[in-house]
Amino acid sequence: HYPDGFFDLVTGMLTFHEMPRQIRLQVMNEMVRVLKQYGRILLIDYHPGSIHFPKGWMDKAVIYFFEIAAGREHFKNFRDFLANKGIPGLIASHKLSMEKSKIVSGGNLGVYLFCAE
């Protein structure tokens, strides 16, 4: 258990889409709690927006194959994550401002840097 405001930077990569919604919110709350004032949160996960042909379509097919292969519960959480606007939807209820964002992998992944307000 880390004290409040302990880290300058907190990261998460391809983790939130695996979690049930309630756990996602709890993990996000914990990330914000341990973040120093004016600290940064770097998150990378699947992006719910449009994808680009042809690379994005090919990448999406591979992503969906592995997400389905990971099991019913995993795929359910993946779909719920995307349906709830991914990372931007997750941080909407937190006092964070988006400093930078980049959509990569033909539109399938989002890289987001947030700053604590």
PDB file of N, CA and C in Angstrom:
ATOM      1  N   HIS A   1       0.848  -1.176   0.000  1.00  0.00           N
ATOM      2  CA  HIS A   1       0.000   0.000   0.000  1.00  0.00           C
ATOM      3  C   HIS A   1       0.891   1.235   0.000  1.00  0.00           C
ATOM      4  N   TYR A   2       0.812   2.017  -1.044  1.00  0.00           N
ATOM      5  CA  TYR A   2       1.610   3.234  -1.162  1.00  0.00           C
ATOM      6  C   TYR A   2       0.853   4.410  -0.558  1.00  0.00           C
ATOM      7  N   PRO A   3       1.587   5.388  -0.034  1.00  0.00           N
ATOM      8  CA  PRO A   3       0.918   6.570   0.510  1.00  0.00           C
ATOM      9  C   PRO A   3       0.335   7.440  -0.608  1.00  0.00           C
ATOM     10  N   ASP A   4      -0.599   8.297  -0.250  1.00  0.00           N
ATOM     11  CA  ASP A   4      -1.166   9.248  -1.203  1.00  0.00           C
ATOM     12  C   ASP A   4      -0.043  10.095  -1.803  1.00  0.00           C
ATOM     13  N   GLY A   5      -0.186  10.438  -3.082  1.00  0.00           N
ATOM     14  CA  GLY A   5       0.757  11.337  -3.732  1.00  0.00           C
ATOM     15  C   GLY A   5       2.191  10.843  -3.758  1.00  0.00           C
ATOM     16  N   PHE A   6       2.400   9.578  -3.998  1.00  0.00           N
ATOM     17  CA  PHE A   6       3.732   8.973  -3.913  1.00  0.00           C
ATOM     18  C   PHE A   6       4.497   9.013  -5.239  1.00  0.00           C
ATOM     19  N   PHE A   7       3.808   8.863  -6.375  1.00  0.00           N
ATOM     20  CA  PHE A   7       4.473   8.709  -7.669  1.00  0.00           C
ATOM     21  C   PHE A   7       4.349   9.954  -8.542  1.00  0.00           C
ATOM     22  N   ASP A   8       5.435  10.240  -9.280  1.00  0.00           N
ATOM     23  CA  ASP A   8       5.419  11.298 -10.294  1.00  0.00           C
ATOM     24  C   ASP A   8       4.713  10.818 -11.560  1.00  0.00           C
ATOM     25  N   LEU A   9       4.851   9.528 -11.851  1.00  0.00           N
ATOM     26  CA  LEU A   9       4.281   8.933 -13.059  1.00  0.00           C
ATOM     27  C   LEU A   9       3.689   7.571 -12.716  1.00  0.00           C
ATOM     28  N   VAL A  10       2.471   7.352 -13.184  1.00  0.00           N
ATOM     29  CA  VAL A  10       1.801   6.061 -13.036  1.00  0.00           C
ATOM     30  C   VAL A  10       1.460   5.585 -14.448  1.00  0.00           C
ATOM     31  N   THR A  11       1.727   4.312 -14.747  1.00  0.00           N
ATOM     32  CA  THR A  11       1.494   3.799 -16.093  1.00  0.00           C
ATOM     33  C   THR A  11       0.573   2.581 -16.082  1.00  0.00           C
ATOM     34  N   GLY A  12      -0.079   2.380 -17.195  1.00  0.00           N
ATOM     35  CA  GLY A  12      -0.904   1.194 -17.401  1.00  0.00           C
ATOM     36  C   GLY A  12      -0.931   0.880 -18.887  1.00  0.00           C
ATOM     37  N   MET A  13      -0.591  -0.345 -19.251  1.00  0.00           N
ATOM     38  CA  MET A  13      -0.546  -0.709 -20.669  1.00  0.00           C
ATOM     39  C   MET A  13      -1.343  -1.983 -20.920  1.00  0.00           C
ATOM     40  N   LEU A  14      -2.374  -1.846 -21.729  1.00  0.00           N
ATOM     41  CA  LEU A  14      -3.219  -2.966 -22.143  1.00  0.00           C
ATOM     42  C   LEU A  14      -3.741  -3.765 -20.951  1.00  0.00           C
ATOM     43  N   THR A  15      -4.207  -3.051 -19.946  1.00  0.00           N
ATOM     44  CA  THR A  15      -4.741  -3.707 -18.754  1.00  0.00           C
ATOM     45  C   THR A  15      -6.216  -3.412 -18.529  1.00  0.00           C
ATOM     46  N   PHE A  16      -6.643  -2.190 -18.779  1.00  0.00           N
ATOM     47  CA  PHE A  16      -8.007  -1.807 -18.420  1.00  0.00           C
ATOM     48  C   PHE A  16      -9.069  -2.572 -19.194  1.00  0.00           C
ATOM     49  N   HIS A  17      -8.805  -2.906 -20.440  1.00  0.00           N
ATOM     50  CA  HIS A  17      -9.815  -3.615 -21.240  1.00  0.00           C
ATOM     51  C   HIS A  17     -10.099  -5.014 -20.701  1.00  0.00           C
ATOM     52  N   GLU A  18      -9.190  -5.559 -19.889  1.00  0.00           N
ATOM     53  CA  GLU A  18      -9.367  -6.911 -19.345  1.00  0.00           C
ATOM     54  C   GLU A  18     -10.271  -6.946 -18.122  1.00  0.00           C
ATOM     55  N   MET A  19     -10.480  -5.807 -17.494  1.00  0.00           N
ATOM     56  CA  MET A  19     -11.149  -5.751 -16.192  1.00  0.00           C
ATOM     57  C   MET A  19     -12.648  -5.505 -16.314  1.00  0.00           C
ATOM     58  N   PRO A  20     -13.426  -6.054 -15.386  1.00  0.00           N
ATOM     59  CA  PRO A  20     -14.833  -5.649 -15.296  1.00  0.00           C
ATOM     60  C   PRO A  20     -14.900  -4.149 -14.971  1.00  0.00           C
ATOM     61  N   ARG A  21     -15.964  -3.502 -15.395  1.00  0.00           N
ATOM     62  CA  ARG A  21     -16.093  -2.049 -15.257  1.00  0.00           C
ATOM     63  C   ARG A  21     -15.833  -1.561 -13.835  1.00  0.00           C
ATOM     64  N   GLN A  22     -16.409  -2.200 -12.840  1.00  0.00           N
ATOM     65  CA  GLN A  22     -16.247  -1.740 -11.457  1.00  0.00           C
ATOM     66  C   GLN A  22     -14.786  -1.816 -11.011  1.00  0.00           C
ATOM     67  N   ILE A  23     -14.089  -2.855 -11.398  1.00  0.00           N
ATOM     68  CA  ILE A  23     -12.664  -2.991 -11.060  1.00  0.00           C
ATOM     69  C   ILE A  23     -11.858  -1.916 -11.776  1.00  0.00           C
ATOM     70  N   ARG A  24     -12.193  -1.659 -13.051  1.00  0.00           N
ATOM     71  CA  ARG A  24     -11.530  -0.588 -13.812  1.00  0.00           C
ATOM     72  C   ARG A  24     -11.583   0.727 -13.054  1.00  0.00           C
ATOM     73  N   LEU A  25     -12.776   1.057 -12.562  1.00  0.00           N
ATOM     74  CA  LEU A  25     -12.952   2.318 -11.829  1.00  0.00           C
ATOM     75  C   LEU A  25     -12.135   2.325 -10.541  1.00  0.00           C
ATOM     76  N   GLN A  26     -12.093   1.209  -9.843  1.00  0.00           N
ATOM     77  CA  GLN A  26     -11.312   1.124  -8.606  1.00  0.00           C
ATOM     78  C   GLN A  26      -9.817   1.273  -8.881  1.00  0.00           C
ATOM     79  N   VAL A  27      -9.343   0.647  -9.942  1.00  0.00           N
ATOM     80  CA  VAL A  27      -7.927   0.753 -10.301  1.00  0.00           C
ATOM     81  C   VAL A  27      -7.589   2.191 -10.684  1.00  0.00           C
ATOM     82  N   MET A  28      -8.469   2.829 -11.455  1.00  0.00           N
ATOM     83  CA  MET A  28      -8.232   4.221 -11.834  1.00  0.00           C
ATOM     84  C   MET A  28      -8.208   5.118 -10.601  1.00  0.00           C
ATOM     85  N   ASN A  29      -9.119   4.898  -9.666  1.00  0.00           N
ATOM     86  CA  ASN A  29      -9.133   5.674  -8.418  1.00  0.00           C
ATOM     87  C   ASN A  29      -7.815   5.510  -7.667  1.00  0.00           C
ATOM     88  N   GLU A  30      -7.297   4.292  -7.629  1.00  0.00           N
ATOM     89  CA  GLU A  30      -6.026   4.031  -6.936  1.00  0.00           C
ATOM     90  C   GLU A  30      -4.862   4.710  -7.648  1.00  0.00           C
ATOM     91  N   MET A  31      -4.874   4.697  -8.970  1.00  0.00           N
ATOM     92  CA  MET A  31      -3.809   5.370  -9.722  1.00  0.00           C
ATOM     93  C   MET A  31      -3.801   6.862  -9.417  1.00  0.00           C
ATOM     94  N   VAL A  32      -4.973   7.459  -9.368  1.00  0.00           N
ATOM     95  CA  VAL A  32      -5.076   8.887  -9.065  1.00  0.00           C
ATOM     96  C   VAL A  32      -4.657   9.153  -7.619  1.00  0.00           C
ATOM     97  N   ARG A  33      -5.024   8.279  -6.710  1.00  0.00           N
ATOM     98  CA  ARG A  33      -4.691   8.469  -5.292  1.00  0.00           C
ATOM     99  C   ARG A  33      -3.185   8.505  -5.050  1.00  0.00           C
ATOM    100  N   VAL A  34      -2.441   7.621  -5.705  1.00  0.00           N
ATOM    101  CA  VAL A  34      -0.997   7.552  -5.462  1.00  0.00           C
ATOM    102  C   VAL A  34      -0.197   8.534  -6.316  1.00  0.00           C
ATOM    103  N   LEU A  35      -0.873   9.285  -7.173  1.00  0.00           N
ATOM    104  CA  LEU A  35      -0.211  10.253  -8.046  1.00  0.00           C
ATOM    105  C   LEU A  35       0.064  11.554  -7.302  1.00  0.00           C
ATOM    106  N   LYS A  36       1.279  12.071  -7.469  1.00  0.00           N
ATOM    107  CA  LYS A  36       1.625  13.362  -6.872  1.00  0.00           C
ATOM    108  C   LYS A  36       0.819  14.475  -7.537  1.00  0.00           C
ATOM    109  N   GLN A  37       0.677  15.576  -6.819  1.00  0.00           N
ATOM    110  CA  GLN A  37       0.041  16.746  -7.414  1.00  0.00           C
ATOM    111  C   GLN A  37       0.862  17.139  -8.644  1.00  0.00           C
ATOM    112  N   TYR A  38       0.204  17.386  -9.739  1.00  0.00           N
ATOM    113  CA  TYR A  38       0.810  17.706 -11.034  1.00  0.00           C
ATOM    114  C   TYR A  38       1.599  16.531 -11.624  1.00  0.00           C
ATOM    115  N   GLY A  39       1.371  15.325 -11.115  1.00  0.00           N
ATOM    116  CA  GLY A  39       1.990  14.133 -11.685  1.00  0.00           C
ATOM    117  C   GLY A  39       1.312  13.750 -12.993  1.00  0.00           C
ATOM    118  N   ARG A  40       1.834  12.717 -13.632  1.00  0.00           N
ATOM    119  CA  ARG A  40       1.315  12.274 -14.927  1.00  0.00           C
ATOM    120  C   ARG A  40       0.872  10.810 -14.854  1.00  0.00           C
ATOM    121  N   ILE A  41      -0.132  10.502 -15.660  1.00  0.00           N
ATOM    122  CA  ILE A  41      -0.581   9.124 -15.847  1.00  0.00           C
ATOM    123  C   ILE A  41      -0.484   8.823 -17.337  1.00  0.00           C
ATOM    124  N   LEU A  42       0.249   7.767 -17.680  1.00  0.00           N
ATOM    125  CA  LEU A  42       0.405   7.328 -19.063  1.00  0.00           C
ATOM    126  C   LEU A  42      -0.360   6.021 -19.230  1.00  0.00           C
ATOM    127  N   LEU A  43      -1.347   6.037 -20.130  1.00  0.00           N
ATOM    128  CA  LEU A  43      -2.181   4.854 -20.352  1.00  0.00           C
ATOM    129  C   LEU A  43      -2.186   4.484 -21.833  1.00  0.00           C
ATOM    130  N   ILE A  44      -2.065   3.198 -22.093  1.00  0.00           N
ATOM    131  CA  ILE A  44      -2.119   2.664 -23.455  1.00  0.00           C
ATOM    132  C   ILE A  44      -3.113   1.505 -23.443  1.00  0.00           C
ATOM    133  N   ASP A  45      -4.096   1.590 -24.327  1.00  0.00           N
ATOM    134  CA  ASP A  45      -5.068   0.495 -24.420  1.00  0.00           C
ATOM    135  C   ASP A  45      -5.820   0.625 -25.735  1.00  0.00           C
ATOM    136  N   TYR A  46      -6.722  -0.303 -25.971  1.00  0.00           N
ATOM    137  CA  TYR A  46      -7.473  -0.302 -27.221  1.00  0.00           C
ATOM    138  C   TYR A  46      -8.312   0.959 -27.352  1.00  0.00           C
ATOM    139  N   HIS A  47      -8.391   1.439 -28.590  1.00  0.00           N
ATOM    140  CA  HIS A  47      -9.102   2.679 -28.910  1.00  0.00           C
ATOM    141  C   HIS A  47     -10.441   2.345 -29.565  1.00  0.00           C
ATOM    142  N   PRO A  48     -11.526   2.960 -29.091  1.00  0.00           N
ATOM    143  CA  PRO A  48     -12.851   2.622 -29.617  1.00  0.00           C
ATOM    144  C   PRO A  48     -13.237   3.337 -30.910  1.00  0.00           C
ATOM    145  N   GLY A  49     -12.370   4.168 -31.453  1.00  0.00           N
ATOM    146  CA  GLY A  49     -12.727   4.962 -32.628  1.00  0.00           C
ATOM    147  C   GLY A  49     -12.574   4.219 -33.939  1.00  0.00           C
ATOM    148  N   SER A  50     -12.636   4.990 -35.014  1.00  0.00           N
ATOM    149  CA  SER A  50     -12.555   4.406 -36.356  1.00  0.00           C
ATOM    150  C   SER A  50     -11.140   3.889 -36.631  1.00  0.00           C
ATOM    151  N   ILE A  51     -11.068   2.923 -37.541  1.00  0.00           N
ATOM    152  CA  ILE A  51      -9.779   2.345 -37.907  1.00  0.00           C
ATOM    153  C   ILE A  51      -9.501   2.624 -39.376  1.00  0.00           C
ATOM    154  N   HIS A  52      -8.231   2.537 -39.743  1.00  0.00           N
ATOM    155  CA  HIS A  52      -7.799   2.874 -41.099  1.00  0.00           C
ATOM    156  C   HIS A  52      -7.522   1.614 -41.917  1.00  0.00           C
ATOM    157  N   PHE A  53      -7.948   1.662 -43.155  1.00  0.00           N
ATOM    158  CA  PHE A  53      -7.716   0.567 -44.092  1.00  0.00           C
ATOM    159  C   PHE A  53      -6.338   0.753 -44.718  1.00  0.00           C
ATOM    160  N   PRO A  54      -5.560  -0.282 -44.941  1.00  0.00           N
ATOM    161  CA  PRO A  54      -5.795  -1.684 -44.633  1.00  0.00           C
ATOM    162  C   PRO A  54      -5.196  -2.115 -43.281  1.00  0.00           C
ATOM    163  N   LYS A  55      -4.153  -1.372 -42.804  1.00  0.00           N
ATOM    164  CA  LYS A  55      -3.441  -1.806 -41.595  1.00  0.00           C
ATOM    165  C   LYS A  55      -4.371  -1.952 -40.401  1.00  0.00           C
ATOM    166  N   GLY A  56      -5.210  -0.977 -40.164  1.00  0.00           N
ATOM    167  CA  GLY A  56      -6.107  -1.023 -39.015  1.00  0.00           C
ATOM    168  C   GLY A  56      -7.051  -2.212 -39.064  1.00  0.00           C
ATOM    169  N   TRP A  57      -7.536  -2.535 -40.245  1.00  0.00           N
ATOM    170  CA  TRP A  57      -8.452  -3.672 -40.390  1.00  0.00           C
ATOM    171  C   TRP A  57      -7.742  -4.985 -40.089  1.00  0.00           C
ATOM    172  N   MET A  58      -6.518  -5.110 -40.598  1.00  0.00           N
ATOM    173  CA  MET A  58      -5.759  -6.346 -40.345  1.00  0.00           C
ATOM    174  C   MET A  58      -5.417  -6.472 -38.860  1.00  0.00           C
ATOM    175  N   ASP A  59      -4.970  -5.366 -38.267  1.00  0.00           N
ATOM    176  CA  ASP A  59      -4.649  -5.382 -36.833  1.00  0.00           C
ATOM    177  C   ASP A  59      -5.884  -5.715 -35.999  1.00  0.00           C
ATOM    178  N   LYS A  60      -7.030  -5.149 -36.387  1.00  0.00           N
ATOM    179  CA  LYS A  60      -8.260  -5.396 -35.636  1.00  0.00           C
ATOM    180  C   LYS A  60      -8.652  -6.873 -35.686  1.00  0.00           C
ATOM    181  N   ALA A  61      -8.476  -7.500 -36.839  1.00  0.00           N
ATOM    182  CA  ALA A  61      -8.797  -8.929 -36.959  1.00  0.00           C
ATOM    183  C   ALA A  61      -7.933  -9.757 -36.011  1.00  0.00           C
ATOM    184  N   VAL A  62      -6.654  -9.429 -35.930  1.00  0.00           N
ATOM    185  CA  VAL A  62      -5.744 -10.148 -35.025  1.00  0.00           C
ATOM    186  C   VAL A  62      -6.130  -9.882 -33.571  1.00  0.00           C
ATOM    187  N   ILE A  63      -6.414  -8.631 -33.250  1.00  0.00           N
ATOM    188  CA  ILE A  63      -6.810  -8.263 -31.881  1.00  0.00           C
ATOM    189  C   ILE A  63      -8.059  -9.038 -31.472  1.00  0.00           C
ATOM    190  N   TYR A  64      -9.070  -9.029 -32.320  1.00  0.00           N
ATOM    191  CA  TYR A  64     -10.317  -9.728 -31.985  1.00  0.00           C
ATOM    192  C   TYR A  64     -10.098 -11.234 -31.838  1.00  0.00           C
ATOM    193  N   PHE A  65      -9.241 -11.801 -32.666  1.00  0.00           N
ATOM    194  CA  PHE A  65      -8.942 -13.228 -32.539  1.00  0.00           C
ATOM    195  C   PHE A  65      -8.413 -13.538 -31.135  1.00  0.00           C
ATOM    196  N   PHE A  66      -7.428 -12.756 -30.691  1.00  0.00           N
ATOM    197  CA  PHE A  66      -6.831 -13.020 -29.379  1.00  0.00           C
ATOM    198  C   PHE A  66      -7.759 -12.659 -28.228  1.00  0.00           C
ATOM    199  N   GLU A  67      -8.551 -11.622 -28.380  1.00  0.00           N
ATOM    200  CA  GLU A  67      -9.492 -11.251 -27.316  1.00  0.00           C
ATOM    201  C   GLU A  67     -10.568 -12.328 -27.145  1.00  0.00           C
ATOM    202  N   ILE A  68     -11.036 -12.883 -28.238  1.00  0.00           N
ATOM    203  CA  ILE A  68     -12.010 -13.983 -28.160  1.00  0.00           C
ATOM    204  C   ILE A  68     -11.346 -15.232 -27.581  1.00  0.00           C
ATOM    205  N   ALA A  69     -10.125 -15.528 -28.026  1.00  0.00           N
ATOM    206  CA  ALA A  69      -9.403 -16.709 -27.544  1.00  0.00           C
ATOM    207  C   ALA A  69      -9.106 -16.631 -26.045  1.00  0.00           C
ATOM    208  N   ALA A  70      -9.055 -15.426 -25.494  1.00  0.00           N
ATOM    209  CA  ALA A  70      -8.761 -15.251 -24.063  1.00  0.00           C
ATOM    210  C   ALA A  70      -9.927 -15.677 -23.175  1.00  0.00           C
ATOM    211  N   GLY A  71     -11.081 -15.928 -23.768  1.00  0.00           N
ATOM    212  CA  GLY A  71     -12.215 -16.424 -22.991  1.00  0.00           C
ATOM    213  C   GLY A  71     -13.400 -15.484 -22.988  1.00  0.00           C
ATOM    214  N   ARG A  72     -14.546 -16.051 -22.647  1.00  0.00           N
ATOM    215  CA  ARG A  72     -15.814 -15.321 -22.690  1.00  0.00           C
ATOM    216  C   ARG A  72     -15.804 -14.079 -21.791  1.00  0.00           C
ATOM    217  N   GLU A  73     -15.357 -14.235 -20.546  1.00  0.00           N
ATOM    218  CA  GLU A  73     -15.344 -13.112 -19.601  1.00  0.00           C
ATOM    219  C   GLU A  73     -14.401 -12.010 -20.080  1.00  0.00           C
ATOM    220  N   HIS A  74     -13.235 -12.403 -20.556  1.00  0.00           N
ATOM    221  CA  HIS A  74     -12.262 -11.444 -21.072  1.00  0.00           C
ATOM    222  C   HIS A  74     -12.856 -10.665 -22.250  1.00  0.00           C
ATOM    223  N   PHE A  75     -13.459 -11.375 -23.194  1.00  0.00           N
ATOM    224  CA  PHE A  75     -14.031 -10.719 -24.368  1.00  0.00           C
ATOM    225  C   PHE A  75     -15.189  -9.803 -23.972  1.00  0.00           C
ATOM    226  N   LYS A  76     -15.973 -10.223 -23.002  1.00  0.00           N
ATOM    227  CA  LYS A  76     -17.070  -9.383 -22.498  1.00  0.00           C
ATOM    228  C   LYS A  76     -16.515  -8.074 -21.927  1.00  0.00           C
ATOM    229  N   ASN A  77     -15.456  -8.148 -21.147  1.00  0.00           N
ATOM    230  CA  ASN A  77     -14.840  -6.943 -20.579  1.00  0.00           C
ATOM    231  C   ASN A  77     -14.241  -6.062 -21.664  1.00  0.00           C
ATOM    232  N   PHE A  78     -13.623  -6.665 -22.657  1.00  0.00           N
ATOM    233  CA  PHE A  78     -13.058  -5.945 -23.800  1.00  0.00           C
ATOM    234  C   PHE A  78     -14.146  -5.149 -24.526  1.00  0.00           C
ATOM    235  N   ARG A  79     -15.263  -5.807 -24.811  1.00  0.00           N
ATOM    236  CA  ARG A  79     -16.369  -5.128 -25.512  1.00  0.00           C
ATOM    237  C   ARG A  79     -16.974  -4.017 -24.655  1.00  0.00           C
ATOM    238  N   ASP A  80     -17.112  -4.253 -23.353  1.00  0.00           N
ATOM    239  CA  ASP A  80     -17.645  -3.235 -22.451  1.00  0.00           C
ATOM    240  C   ASP A  80     -16.717  -2.026 -22.389  1.00  0.00           C
ATOM    241  N   PHE A  81     -15.421  -2.275 -22.342  1.00  0.00           N
ATOM    242  CA  PHE A  81     -14.422  -1.204 -22.321  1.00  0.00           C
ATOM    243  C   PHE A  81     -14.570  -0.317 -23.557  1.00  0.00           C
ATOM    244  N   LEU A  82     -14.663  -0.929 -24.730  1.00  0.00           N
ATOM    245  CA  LEU A  82     -14.808  -0.162 -25.965  1.00  0.00           C
ATOM    246  C   LEU A  82     -16.157   0.551 -26.026  1.00  0.00           C
ATOM    247  N   ALA A  83     -17.217  -0.109 -25.592  1.00  0.00           N
ATOM    248  CA  ALA A  83     -18.556   0.495 -25.613  1.00  0.00           C
ATOM    249  C   ALA A  83     -18.645   1.708 -24.691  1.00  0.00           C
ATOM    250  N   ASN A  84     -17.799   1.747 -23.668  1.00  0.00           N
ATOM    251  CA  ASN A  84     -17.794   2.865 -22.724  1.00  0.00           C
ATOM    252  C   ASN A  84     -16.689   3.870 -23.028  1.00  0.00           C
ATOM    253  N   LYS A  85     -16.281   3.939 -24.290  1.00  0.00           N
ATOM    254  CA  LYS A  85     -15.349   4.939 -24.812  1.00  0.00           C
ATOM    255  C   LYS A  85     -13.908   4.771 -24.358  1.00  0.00           C
ATOM    256  N   GLY A  86     -13.536   3.568 -23.957  1.00  0.00           N
ATOM    257  CA  GLY A  86     -12.140   3.274 -23.665  1.00  0.00           C
ATOM    258  C   GLY A  86     -11.554   4.132 -22.553  1.00  0.00           C
ATOM    259  N   ILE A  87     -10.299   4.510 -22.733  1.00  0.00           N
ATOM    260  CA  ILE A  87      -9.595   5.306 -21.722  1.00  0.00           C
ATOM    261  C   ILE A  87     -10.237   6.677 -21.528  1.00  0.00           C
ATOM    262  N   PRO A  88     -10.567   7.427 -22.588  1.00  0.00           N
ATOM    263  CA  PRO A  88     -11.210   8.730 -22.354  1.00  0.00           C
ATOM    264  C   PRO A  88     -12.498   8.615 -21.538  1.00  0.00           C
ATOM    265  N   GLY A  89     -13.278   7.579 -21.764  1.00  0.00           N
ATOM    266  CA  GLY A  89     -14.487   7.370 -20.972  1.00  0.00           C
ATOM    267  C   GLY A  89     -14.182   7.043 -19.530  1.00  0.00           C
ATOM    268  N   LEU A  90     -13.099   6.319 -19.311  1.00  0.00           N
ATOM    269  CA  LEU A  90     -12.711   5.914 -17.963  1.00  0.00           C
ATOM    270  C   LEU A  90     -12.264   7.094 -17.112  1.00  0.00           C
ATOM    271  N   ILE A  91     -11.535   8.025 -17.691  1.00  0.00           N
ATOM    272  CA  ILE A  91     -10.998   9.128 -16.888  1.00  0.00           C
ATOM    273  C   ILE A  91     -11.965  10.301 -16.767  1.00  0.00           C
ATOM    274  N   ALA A  92     -13.097  10.227 -17.434  1.00  0.00           N
ATOM    275  CA  ALA A  92     -14.044  11.349 -17.445  1.00  0.00           C
ATOM    276  C   ALA A  92     -14.462  11.801 -16.051  1.00  0.00           C
ATOM    277  N   SER A  93     -14.537  10.885 -15.105  1.00  0.00           N
ATOM    278  CA  SER A  93     -14.993  11.241 -13.758  1.00  0.00           C
ATOM    279  C   SER A  93     -13.842  11.588 -12.811  1.00  0.00           C
ATOM    280  N   HIS A  94     -12.643  11.724 -13.335  1.00  0.00           N
ATOM    281  CA  HIS A  94     -11.479  12.043 -12.511  1.00  0.00           C
ATOM    282  C   HIS A  94     -10.951  13.434 -12.842  1.00  0.00           C
ATOM    283  N   LYS A  95     -10.259  14.021 -11.896  1.00  0.00           N
ATOM    284  CA  LYS A  95      -9.702  15.361 -12.100  1.00  0.00           C
ATOM    285  C   LYS A  95      -8.357  15.250 -12.809  1.00  0.00           C
ATOM    286  N   LEU A  96      -8.455  14.896 -14.082  1.00  0.00           N
ATOM    287  CA  LEU A  96      -7.282  14.751 -14.929  1.00  0.00           C
ATOM    288  C   LEU A  96      -7.523  15.509 -16.222  1.00  0.00           C
ATOM    289  N   SER A  97      -6.473  16.085 -16.762  1.00  0.00           N
ATOM    290  CA  SER A  97      -6.604  16.715 -18.072  1.00  0.00           C
ATOM    291  C   SER A  97      -5.686  15.989 -19.048  1.00  0.00           C
ATOM    292  N   MET A  98      -6.180  15.809 -20.264  1.00  0.00           N
ATOM    293  CA  MET A  98      -5.392  15.120 -21.275  1.00  0.00           C
ATOM    294  C   MET A  98      -4.333  16.084 -21.791  1.00  0.00           C
ATOM    295  N   GLU A  99      -3.092  15.693 -21.611  1.00  0.00           N
ATOM    296  CA  GLU A  99      -1.977  16.515 -22.052  1.00  0.00           C
ATOM    297  C   GLU A  99      -1.597  16.186 -23.488  1.00  0.00           C
ATOM    298  N   LYS A 100      -1.555  14.893 -23.790  1.00  0.00           N
ATOM    299  CA  LYS A 100      -1.221  14.438 -25.143  1.00  0.00           C
ATOM    300  C   LYS A 100      -1.971  13.143 -25.415  1.00  0.00           C
ATOM    301  N   SER A 101      -2.249  12.912 -26.686  1.00  0.00           N
ATOM    302  CA  SER A 101      -2.811  11.621 -27.088  1.00  0.00           C
ATOM    303  C   SER A 101      -2.362  11.313 -28.506  1.00  0.00           C
ATOM    304  N   LYS A 102      -2.224  10.039 -28.772  1.00  0.00           N
ATOM    305  CA  LYS A 102      -1.856   9.597 -30.114  1.00  0.00           C
ATOM    306  C   LYS A 102      -2.555   8.266 -30.366  1.00  0.00           C
ATOM    307  N   ILE A 103      -3.173   8.165 -31.525  1.00  0.00           N
ATOM    308  CA  ILE A 103      -3.836   6.928 -31.932  1.00  0.00           C
ATOM    309  C   ILE A 103      -2.893   6.217 -32.896  1.00  0.00           C
ATOM    310  N   VAL A 104      -2.601   4.948 -32.596  1.00  0.00           N
ATOM    311  CA  VAL A 104      -1.628   4.186 -33.378  1.00  0.00           C
ATOM    312  C   VAL A 104      -2.238   2.848 -33.813  1.00  0.00           C
ATOM    313  N   SER A 105      -1.447   2.041 -34.476  1.00  0.00           N
ATOM    314  CA  SER A 105      -1.854   0.713 -34.939  1.00  0.00           C
ATOM    315  C   SER A 105      -3.094   0.785 -35.837  1.00  0.00           C
ATOM    316  N   GLY A 106      -3.061   1.743 -36.755  1.00  0.00           N
ATOM    317  CA  GLY A 106      -4.166   1.880 -37.696  1.00  0.00           C
ATOM    318  C   GLY A 106      -5.472   2.307 -37.056  1.00  0.00           C
ATOM    319  N   GLY A 107      -5.385   2.895 -35.859  1.00  0.00           N
ATOM    320  CA  GLY A 107      -6.581   3.350 -35.148  1.00  0.00           C
ATOM    321  C   GLY A 107      -7.027   2.420 -34.037  1.00  0.00           C
ATOM    322  N   ASN A 108      -6.288   1.355 -33.784  1.00  0.00           N
ATOM    323  CA  ASN A 108      -6.702   0.359 -32.793  1.00  0.00           C
ATOM    324  C   ASN A 108      -6.221   0.624 -31.371  1.00  0.00           C
ATOM    325  N   LEU A 109      -5.149   1.375 -31.214  1.00  0.00           N
ATOM    326  CA  LEU A 109      -4.594   1.640 -29.883  1.00  0.00           C
ATOM    327  C   LEU A 109      -4.530   3.134 -29.624  1.00  0.00           C
ATOM    328  N   GLY A 110      -4.792   3.502 -28.379  1.00  0.00           N
ATOM    329  CA  GLY A 110      -4.656   4.885 -27.955  1.00  0.00           C
ATOM    330  C   GLY A 110      -3.556   4.995 -26.920  1.00  0.00           C
ATOM    331  N   VAL A 111      -2.716   6.019 -27.071  1.00  0.00           N
ATOM    332  CA  VAL A 111      -1.660   6.334 -26.108  1.00  0.00           C
ATOM    333  C   VAL A 111      -2.031   7.693 -25.527  1.00  0.00           C
ATOM    334  N   TYR A 112      -2.218   7.751 -24.216  1.00  0.00           N
ATOM    335  CA  TYR A 112      -2.732   8.957 -23.575  1.00  0.00           C
ATOM    336  C   TYR A 112      -1.841   9.357 -22.409  1.00  0.00           C
ATOM    337  N   LEU A 113      -1.546  10.649 -22.328  1.00  0.00           N
ATOM    338  CA  LEU A 113      -0.822  11.193 -21.189  1.00  0.00           C
ATOM    339  C   LEU A 113      -1.736  12.201 -20.502  1.00  0.00           C
ATOM    340  N   PHE A 114      -2.013  11.946 -19.228  1.00  0.00           N
ATOM    341  CA  PHE A 114      -2.887  12.808 -18.441  1.00  0.00           C
ATOM    342  C   PHE A 114      -2.088  13.490 -17.348  1.00  0.00           C
ATOM    343  N   CYS A 115      -2.542  14.666 -16.978  1.00  0.00           N
ATOM    344  CA  CYS A 115      -1.926  15.426 -15.899  1.00  0.00           C
ATOM    345  C   CYS A 115      -2.954  15.618 -14.796  1.00  0.00           C
ATOM    346  N   ALA A 116      -2.512  15.438 -13.551  1.00  0.00           N
ATOM    347  CA  ALA A 116      -3.396  15.679 -12.413  1.00  0.00           C
ATOM    348  C   ALA A 116      -3.632  17.178 -12.296  1.00  0.00           C
ATOM    349  N   GLU A 117      -4.861  17.554 -12.039  1.00  0.00           N
ATOM    350  CA  GLU A 117      -5.198  18.980 -11.924  1.00  0.00           C
ATOM    351  C   GLU A 117      -4.991  19.467 -10.516  1.00  0.00           C
TER     352      GLU A 117
END
